[in-house]
């Protein structure tokens, strides 16, 4: 085959440090596009972003020559630096060290995007911790409950 053809679609999830509710509406409205810009700068595409004051979900396409761990490091590092440099930021902003990265098929993209778009409504029924554990279990990812929230 003469070319390389990929469609690397990810559902990415990460929270603020200690799940502090730091993503207030005024910040959210600028943070989400900023994260999209980071992805765009790395030749990725942000398809959907949503979340609550303590965590973010992204649906993104990522190029094949960058490890997802490197992409998350860039997104989290650059966005937290940007937030902390804002003159209206009163307290230190940090993301939790870990993240969830789940692959999705193109046929499920619409459903994943809807799930991300409706995060606020979803969290009337489940906490972030309940949601994240359910995602790990649905994707058959082993975890140690003693360390998942550090």
Protein backbone atom coordinates (compact mmCIF):
# COMPACT_ATOMS: atom_id res chain seq x y z
CA UNK A 1 0.00 0.00 0.00
CA UNK A 2 1.43 3.36 -1.01
CA UNK A 3 -0.03 5.47 1.81
CA UNK A 4 -0.85 5.44 5.48
CA UNK A 5 -4.51 5.81 6.36
CA UNK A 6 -5.71 6.23 9.94
CA UNK A 7 -8.76 7.28 11.86
CA UNK A 8 -7.60 7.34 15.47
CA UNK A 9 -10.63 8.44 17.44
CA UNK A 10 -10.29 8.83 21.22
CA UNK A 11 -12.57 9.58 24.13
CA UNK A 12 -10.27 11.30 26.64
CA UNK A 13 -11.17 12.02 30.26
CA UNK A 14 -9.22 13.84 32.96
CA UNK A 15 -10.02 15.74 36.12
CA UNK A 16 -8.77 18.69 38.06
CA UNK A 17 -6.39 17.88 40.89
CA UNK A 18 -8.38 16.38 43.78
CA UNK A 19 -11.46 16.92 41.61
CA UNK A 20 -11.67 20.52 42.75
CA UNK A 21 -14.53 22.39 41.01
CA UNK A 22 -12.22 24.91 39.31
CA UNK A 23 -13.69 24.95 35.80
CA UNK A 24 -16.24 27.70 36.37
CA UNK A 25 -18.39 28.82 33.39
CA UNK A 26 -16.26 31.88 32.52
CA UNK A 27 -13.09 29.75 32.46
CA UNK A 28 -14.79 26.84 30.68
CA UNK A 29 -15.91 29.07 27.82
CA UNK A 30 -12.28 29.92 27.05
CA UNK A 31 -10.58 26.72 28.22
CA UNK A 32 -12.44 24.39 25.88
CA UNK A 33 -11.46 26.32 22.71
CA UNK A 34 -7.91 26.63 24.05
CA UNK A 35 -7.70 22.84 24.37
CA UNK A 36 -9.02 22.61 20.80
CA UNK A 37 -6.21 24.91 19.71
CA UNK A 38 -3.61 22.68 21.37
CA UNK A 39 -4.97 19.69 19.47
CA UNK A 40 -5.09 21.66 16.22
CA UNK A 41 -1.48 22.73 16.73
CA UNK A 42 -0.54 19.05 16.91
CA UNK A 43 -2.56 18.29 13.75
CA UNK A 44 -5.35 16.71 15.75
CA UNK A 45 -9.04 17.51 15.64
CA UNK A 46 -11.28 18.24 18.61
CA UNK A 47 -14.71 16.89 17.70
CA UNK A 48 -16.45 17.44 21.03
CA UNK A 49 -15.65 18.75 24.49
CA UNK A 50 -17.76 18.72 27.61
CA UNK A 51 -17.51 18.29 31.31
CA UNK A 52 -18.34 19.67 34.68
CA UNK A 53 -16.44 21.97 37.07
CA UNK A 54 -14.14 19.09 38.09
CA UNK A 55 -13.42 17.17 34.88
CA UNK A 56 -13.29 17.27 31.10
CA UNK A 57 -14.22 14.83 28.33
CA UNK A 58 -12.80 15.21 24.83
CA UNK A 59 -13.63 13.38 21.63
CA UNK A 60 -10.61 13.86 19.41
CA UNK A 61 -8.84 12.52 16.37
CA UNK A 62 -5.10 12.26 16.84
CA UNK A 63 -2.40 11.78 14.23
CA UNK A 64 -0.66 8.38 14.20
CA UNK A 65 2.87 9.59 14.88
CA UNK A 66 2.20 10.92 18.39
CA UNK A 67 1.63 8.73 21.41
CA UNK A 68 -1.62 9.43 23.21
CA UNK A 69 0.38 9.90 26.43
CA UNK A 70 2.38 12.67 24.72
CA UNK A 71 -0.79 14.31 23.43
CA UNK A 72 -2.33 14.30 26.93
CA UNK A 73 0.87 15.69 28.41
CA UNK A 74 0.74 18.58 25.91
CA UNK A 75 -2.97 19.24 26.44
CA UNK A 76 -2.82 19.15 30.22
CA UNK A 77 0.52 20.93 30.60
CA UNK A 78 -0.18 23.75 28.15
CA UNK A 79 -3.75 24.32 29.31
CA UNK A 80 -2.89 24.43 33.02
CA UNK A 81 -0.03 26.85 32.28
CA UNK A 82 -2.43 29.04 30.29
CA UNK A 83 -5.02 29.04 33.09
CA UNK A 84 -2.44 29.92 35.74
CA UNK A 85 -1.13 32.85 33.65
CA UNK A 86 -4.59 34.43 33.47
CA UNK A 87 -4.91 37.59 35.54
CA UNK A 88 -8.40 36.57 36.70
CA UNK A 89 -7.24 33.20 38.04
CA UNK A 90 -7.37 33.43 41.84
CA UNK A 91 -6.15 29.95 42.82
CA UNK A 92 -3.63 27.52 41.40
CA UNK A 93 -5.08 25.35 38.65
CA UNK A 94 -3.81 21.80 38.18
CA UNK A 95 -4.98 18.68 36.42
CA UNK A 96 -4.82 15.34 38.20
CA UNK A 97 -1.80 13.30 37.12
CA UNK A 98 -3.68 10.52 35.33
CA UNK A 99 -6.27 10.29 32.60
CA UNK A 100 -8.50 7.88 30.75
CA UNK A 101 -8.01 7.30 27.04
CA UNK A 102 -10.51 5.08 25.29
CA UNK A 103 -10.64 4.30 21.60
CA UNK A 104 -13.92 4.58 19.76
CA UNK A 105 -15.02 3.38 16.36
CA UNK A 106 -16.31 5.81 13.76
CA UNK A 107 -19.68 4.07 13.91
CA UNK A 108 -19.96 5.03 17.60
CA UNK A 109 -18.63 8.58 17.22
CA UNK A 110 -22.08 10.18 17.27
CA UNK A 111 -23.06 8.39 20.48
CA UNK A 112 -19.76 9.27 22.20
CA UNK A 113 -20.10 12.91 21.13
CA UNK A 114 -23.65 13.04 22.51
CA UNK A 115 -22.45 11.52 25.79
CA UNK A 116 -19.73 14.17 26.08
CA UNK A 117 -22.10 16.99 25.07
CA UNK A 118 -24.57 16.02 27.82
CA UNK A 119 -22.16 15.71 30.73
CA UNK A 120 -23.99 18.15 33.00
CA UNK A 121 -27.25 16.23 32.63
CA UNK A 122 -25.45 12.89 33.03
CA UNK A 123 -23.92 13.98 36.34
CA UNK A 124 -27.31 14.51 37.91
CA UNK A 125 -27.38 10.70 38.09
CA UNK A 126 -23.75 9.71 38.70
CA UNK A 127 -20.63 11.24 40.23
CA UNK A 128 -17.43 11.59 38.22
CA UNK A 129 -15.90 8.75 40.23
CA UNK A 130 -18.85 6.44 39.49
CA UNK A 131 -18.78 7.41 35.83
CA UNK A 132 -15.04 6.85 35.47
CA UNK A 133 -15.06 3.45 37.19
CA UNK A 134 -17.96 2.40 34.94
CA UNK A 135 -15.93 3.45 31.90
CA UNK A 136 -12.93 1.44 33.06
CA UNK A 137 -15.12 -1.60 33.60
CA UNK A 138 -16.94 -1.19 30.28
CA UNK A 139 -13.57 -1.10 28.50
CA UNK A 140 -12.27 -4.04 30.59
CA UNK A 141 -9.40 -2.03 32.07
CA UNK A 142 -7.96 -3.37 35.32
CA UNK A 143 -7.47 -0.90 38.15
CA UNK A 144 -6.64 -0.86 41.84
CA UNK A 145 -9.33 1.11 43.70
CA UNK A 146 -6.78 2.14 46.35
CA UNK A 147 -4.82 4.23 43.86
CA UNK A 148 -7.26 5.35 41.20
CA UNK A 149 -7.89 8.82 42.69
CA UNK A 150 -4.36 9.82 43.69
